[in-house]
C-alpha atoms as a PDB file:
ATOM      1  CA  UNK A   1      -3.629  12.793  -0.179  1.00  0.00           C
ATOM      2  CA  UNK A   2      -6.870  15.308   0.610  1.00  0.00           C
ATOM      3  CA  UNK A   3      -9.343  16.911  -1.693  1.00  0.00           C
ATOM      4  CA  UNK A   4      -8.935  20.768  -0.873  1.00  0.00           C
ATOM      5  CA  UNK A   5     -11.460  23.791  -2.103  1.00  0.00           C
ATOM      6  CA  UNK A   6     -10.159  27.161  -3.876  1.00  0.00           C
ATOM      7  CA  UNK A   7      -9.685  28.964  -0.193  1.00  0.00           C
ATOM      8  CA  UNK A   8      -6.988  26.105   0.975  1.00  0.00           C
ATOM      9  CA  UNK A   9      -5.200  26.387  -2.706  1.00  0.00           C
ATOM     10  CA  UNK A  10      -4.854  29.949  -2.292  1.00  0.00           C
ATOM     11  CA  UNK A  11      -3.480  29.803   0.811  1.00  0.00           C
ATOM     12  CA  UNK A  12      -0.976  27.120  -0.064  1.00  0.00           C
ATOM     13  CA  UNK A  13       0.312  28.868  -3.297  1.00  0.00           C
ATOM     14  CA  UNK A  14       0.536  31.828  -1.095  1.00  0.00           C
ATOM     15  CA  UNK A  15       2.643  29.693   1.007  1.00  0.00           C
ATOM     16  CA  UNK A  16       4.598  28.503  -1.337  1.00  0.00           C
ATOM     17  CA  UNK A  17       3.090  25.438  -2.815  1.00  0.00           C
ATOM     18  CA  UNK A  18       3.754  23.561  -6.002  1.00  0.00           C
ATOM     19  CA  UNK A  19       0.744  22.809  -8.296  1.00  0.00           C
ATOM     20  CA  UNK A  20       0.828  20.426 -10.479  1.00  0.00           C
ATOM     21  CA  UNK A  21      -1.713  20.145 -13.423  1.00  0.00           C
ATOM     22  CA  UNK A  22      -2.633  16.350 -14.803  1.00  0.00           C
ATOM     23  CA  UNK A  23      -4.241  17.381 -17.856  1.00  0.00           C
ATOM     24  CA  UNK A  24      -3.611  15.270 -21.108  1.00  0.00           C
ATOM     25  CA  UNK A  25      -1.188  17.671 -23.163  1.00  0.00           C
ATOM     26  CA  UNK A  26      -3.940  18.620 -25.600  1.00  0.00           C
ATOM     27  CA  UNK A  27      -6.182  19.846 -22.650  1.00  0.00           C
ATOM     28  CA  UNK A  28      -3.041  21.178 -20.813  1.00  0.00           C
ATOM     29  CA  UNK A  29      -2.776  23.825 -23.854  1.00  0.00           C
ATOM     30  CA  UNK A  30      -5.793  24.760 -24.056  1.00  0.00           C
ATOM     31  CA  UNK A  31      -6.933  25.135 -20.471  1.00  0.00           C
ATOM     32  CA  UNK A  32      -4.563  25.191 -17.228  1.00  0.00           C
ATOM     33  CA  UNK A  33      -4.152  26.935 -14.261  1.00  0.00           C
ATOM     34  CA  UNK A  34      -1.098  29.343 -14.516  1.00  0.00           C
ATOM     35  CA  UNK A  35       2.350  28.946 -13.063  1.00  0.00           C
ATOM     36  CA  UNK A  36       0.758  24.965 -13.182  1.00  0.00           C
ATOM     37  CA  UNK A  37       3.697  22.349 -13.824  1.00  0.00           C
ATOM     38  CA  UNK A  38       2.468  19.788 -16.483  1.00  0.00           C
ATOM     39  CA  UNK A  39       2.497  16.244 -15.453  1.00  0.00           C
ATOM     40  CA  UNK A  40       0.208  14.018 -17.049  1.00  0.00           C
ATOM     41  CA  UNK A  41      -1.247  11.738 -14.494  1.00  0.00           C
ATOM     42  CA  UNK A  42       0.741   8.929 -15.869  1.00  0.00           C
ATOM     43  CA  UNK A  43       3.950  10.228 -15.729  1.00  0.00           C
ATOM     44  CA  UNK A  44       3.291  11.707 -12.240  1.00  0.00           C
ATOM     45  CA  UNK A  45       5.050   8.509  -9.899  1.00  0.00           C
ATOM     46  CA  UNK A  46       7.690   8.387 -12.421  1.00  0.00           C
ATOM     47  CA  UNK A  47       8.495  12.388 -12.858  1.00  0.00           C
ATOM     48  CA  UNK A  48       7.458  13.769  -9.550  1.00  0.00           C
ATOM     49  CA  UNK A  49      10.683  13.062  -7.405  1.00  0.00           C
ATOM     50  CA  UNK A  50      12.860  14.913 -10.500  1.00  0.00           C
ATOM     51  CA  UNK A  51      10.468  17.668 -11.164  1.00  0.00           C
ATOM     52  CA  UNK A  52       9.336  18.976  -7.537  1.00  0.00           C
ATOM     53  CA  UNK A  53      10.858  20.385  -4.585  1.00  0.00           C
ATOM     54  CA  UNK A  54      10.396  17.795  -1.797  1.00  0.00           C
ATOM     55  CA  UNK A  55      10.531  21.066   0.672  1.00  0.00           C
ATOM     56  CA  UNK A  56       7.532  22.043  -0.497  1.00  0.00           C
ATOM     57  CA  UNK A  57       3.226  21.302  -0.130  1.00  0.00           C
ATOM     58  CA  UNK A  58       2.355  19.790  -3.214  1.00  0.00           C
ATOM     59  CA  UNK A  59      -1.151  20.731  -4.958  1.00  0.00           C
ATOM     60  CA  UNK A  60      -2.403  17.936  -7.378  1.00  0.00           C
ATOM     61  CA  UNK A  61      -4.981  19.777  -9.724  1.00  0.00           C
ATOM     62  CA  UNK A  62      -7.391  17.261 -11.605  1.00  0.00           C
ATOM     63  CA  UNK A  63     -10.550  18.761 -13.514  1.00  0.00           C
ATOM     64  CA  UNK A  64     -11.964  14.967 -14.088  1.00  0.00           C
ATOM     65  CA  UNK A  65     -11.015  13.437 -10.158  1.00  0.00           C
ATOM     66  CA  UNK A  66     -14.054  14.458  -8.332  1.00  0.00           C
END
């Protein structure tokens, strides 16, 4: 895992990456990245294997992580 900036996010999305937004449901509903998969942080390890395409890169977005 590594922290990336806007340019790298854009490049990865252009290449087919999946973006996961880990905001709580009430925050995700009011503001989230368009096209993001909503997977609250507490469910990432449980649900990611059945939700994500393992052949594609994954970007995990968390507004409060930095």
